[in-house]
Amino acid sequence: MRKKKGYGRVSTKGQQRDSNSLEDQKNKLLDAGCDEEDIVLEAYTGTKMDRPKFTKLLEELEPGDTLVVTKLDRFARTA
């Protein structure tokens, strides 16, 4: 069965205050149609490629699933 899997991440305490908190991201993911049990949230710097929860989420994606993020920089960045 196809699922919408959501991912939210913060890397700094400032982000948690500036309307980009994990709670804000979770609410946006729920609004986008993700079920609560299919949302993964983590506080981890985006400058490191090794993000354990994100890696596990990618491994769990099945053909036809959709990965939902609130902003592209929550899962990918160049610097």
C-alpha atoms as a PDB file:
ATOM      1  CA  MET A   1       0.000   0.000   0.000  1.00  0.00           C
ATOM      2  CA  ARG A   2       1.365   3.414  -0.937  1.00  0.00           C
ATOM      3  CA  LYS A   3       2.151   5.705   1.957  1.00  0.00           C
ATOM      4  CA  LYS A   4       3.162   9.292   2.471  1.00  0.00           C
ATOM      5  CA  LYS A   5       6.176   9.305   4.770  1.00  0.00           C
ATOM      6  CA  GLY A   6       7.120  12.606   6.359  1.00  0.00           C
ATOM      7  CA  TYR A   7      10.505  13.881   7.500  1.00  0.00           C
ATOM      8  CA  GLY A   8      11.228  16.900   9.679  1.00  0.00           C
ATOM      9  CA  ARG A   9      14.547  18.111  11.026  1.00  0.00           C
ATOM     10  CA  VAL A  10      15.975  20.977  13.032  1.00  0.00           C
ATOM     11  CA  SER A  11      19.664  21.541  13.544  1.00  0.00           C
ATOM     12  CA  THR A  12      19.763  24.605  15.799  1.00  0.00           C
ATOM     13  CA  LYS A  13      17.840  25.929  18.768  1.00  0.00           C
ATOM     14  CA  GLY A  14      17.097  29.067  16.738  1.00  0.00           C
ATOM     15  CA  GLN A  15      15.204  26.996  14.215  1.00  0.00           C
ATOM     16  CA  GLN A  16      13.019  25.654  16.982  1.00  0.00           C
ATOM     17  CA  ARG A  17      11.919  29.224  17.765  1.00  0.00           C
ATOM     18  CA  ASP A  18      11.603  30.605  14.235  1.00  0.00           C
ATOM     19  CA  SER A  19       8.382  28.824  13.148  1.00  0.00           C
ATOM     20  CA  ASN A  20      10.421  25.903  11.885  1.00  0.00           C
ATOM     21  CA  SER A  21      10.188  23.812  15.028  1.00  0.00           C
ATOM     22  CA  LEU A  22       9.708  20.077  14.885  1.00  0.00           C
ATOM     23  CA  GLU A  23       6.142  20.603  16.097  1.00  0.00           C
ATOM     24  CA  ASP A  24       5.471  23.094  13.262  1.00  0.00           C
ATOM     25  CA  GLN A  25       6.951  20.688  10.722  1.00  0.00           C
ATOM     26  CA  LYS A  26       4.950  17.777  12.145  1.00  0.00           C
ATOM     27  CA  ASN A  27       1.716  19.759  11.812  1.00  0.00           C
ATOM     28  CA  LYS A  28       2.551  20.628   8.196  1.00  0.00           C
ATOM     29  CA  LEU A  29       3.289  16.969   7.440  1.00  0.00           C
ATOM     30  CA  LEU A  30      -0.008  15.913   8.986  1.00  0.00           C
ATOM     31  CA  ASP A  31      -1.784  18.584   6.905  1.00  0.00           C
ATOM     32  CA  ALA A  32      -0.050  17.159   3.815  1.00  0.00           C
ATOM     33  CA  GLY A  33      -1.646  13.772   4.439  1.00  0.00           C
ATOM     34  CA  CYS A  34       1.055  11.881   6.354  1.00  0.00           C
ATOM     35  CA  ASP A  35      -0.136   9.599   9.148  1.00  0.00           C
ATOM     36  CA  GLU A  36       1.478  10.333  12.511  1.00  0.00           C
ATOM     37  CA  GLU A  37       3.159   6.901  12.606  1.00  0.00           C
ATOM     38  CA  ASP A  38       4.769   7.641   9.230  1.00  0.00           C
ATOM     39  CA  ILE A  39       6.452  10.876  10.344  1.00  0.00           C
ATOM     40  CA  VAL A  40      10.105  10.882  11.381  1.00  0.00           C
ATOM     41  CA  LEU A  41      11.484  13.893  13.280  1.00  0.00           C
ATOM     42  CA  GLU A  42      15.067  14.491  14.357  1.00  0.00           C
ATOM     43  CA  ALA A  43      17.291  17.183  15.769  1.00  0.00           C
ATOM     44  CA  TYR A  44      20.520  16.735  13.854  1.00  0.00           C
ATOM     45  CA  THR A  45      22.816  19.009  11.901  1.00  0.00           C
ATOM     46  CA  GLY A  46      22.249  19.058   8.151  1.00  0.00           C
ATOM     47  CA  THR A  47      25.954  19.523   7.458  1.00  0.00           C
ATOM     48  CA  LYS A  48      26.571  15.857   8.218  1.00  0.00           C
ATOM     49  CA  MET A  49      25.562  13.293   5.643  1.00  0.00           C
ATOM     50  CA  ASP A  50      25.070  10.630   8.325  1.00  0.00           C
ATOM     51  CA  ARG A  51      21.609  11.303   9.756  1.00  0.00           C
ATOM     52  CA  PRO A  52      20.523   8.011  11.364  1.00  0.00           C
ATOM     53  CA  LYS A  53      16.742   8.527  11.359  1.00  0.00           C
ATOM     54  CA  PHE A  54      16.714   9.901   7.809  1.00  0.00           C
ATOM     55  CA  THR A  55      18.823   6.987   6.573  1.00  0.00           C
ATOM     56  CA  LYS A  56      16.449   4.492   8.228  1.00  0.00           C
ATOM     57  CA  LEU A  57      13.438   6.259   6.688  1.00  0.00           C
ATOM     58  CA  LEU A  58      14.973   6.039   3.206  1.00  0.00           C
ATOM     59  CA  GLU A  59      15.617   2.329   3.705  1.00  0.00           C
ATOM     60  CA  GLU A  60      11.951   1.806   4.667  1.00  0.00           C
ATOM     61  CA  LEU A  61      10.522   3.550   1.599  1.00  0.00           C
ATOM     62  CA  GLU A  62       8.808   1.150  -0.763  1.00  0.00           C
ATOM     63  CA  PRO A  63       7.999   1.576  -4.461  1.00  0.00           C
ATOM     64  CA  GLY A  64       5.067   3.968  -4.762  1.00  0.00           C
ATOM     65  CA  ASP A  65       5.664   5.670  -1.396  1.00  0.00           C
ATOM     66  CA  THR A  66       6.055   9.444  -1.295  1.00  0.00           C
ATOM     67  CA  LEU A  67       8.603  11.272   0.881  1.00  0.00           C
ATOM     68  CA  VAL A  68       7.152  14.554   2.153  1.00  0.00           C
ATOM     69  CA  VAL A  69       9.244  17.373   3.651  1.00  0.00           C
ATOM     70  CA  THR A  70       8.202  20.887   4.614  1.00  0.00           C
ATOM     71  CA  LYS A  71      11.230  22.518   2.952  1.00  0.00           C
ATOM     72  CA  LEU A  72      13.921  21.070   0.709  1.00  0.00           C
ATOM     73  CA  ASP A  73      16.705  22.139   3.072  1.00  0.00           C
ATOM     74  CA  ARG A  74      15.256  19.815   5.734  1.00  0.00           C
ATOM     75  CA  PHE A  75      16.712  16.800   3.958  1.00  0.00           C
ATOM     76  CA  ALA A  76      19.240  18.072   1.402  1.00  0.00           C
ATOM     77  CA  ARG A  77      21.725  20.895   1.190  1.00  0.00           C
ATOM     78  CA  THR A  78      24.952  21.709  -0.572  1.00  0.00           C
ATOM     79  CA  ALA A  79      26.877  23.323   2.270  1.00  0.00           C
END
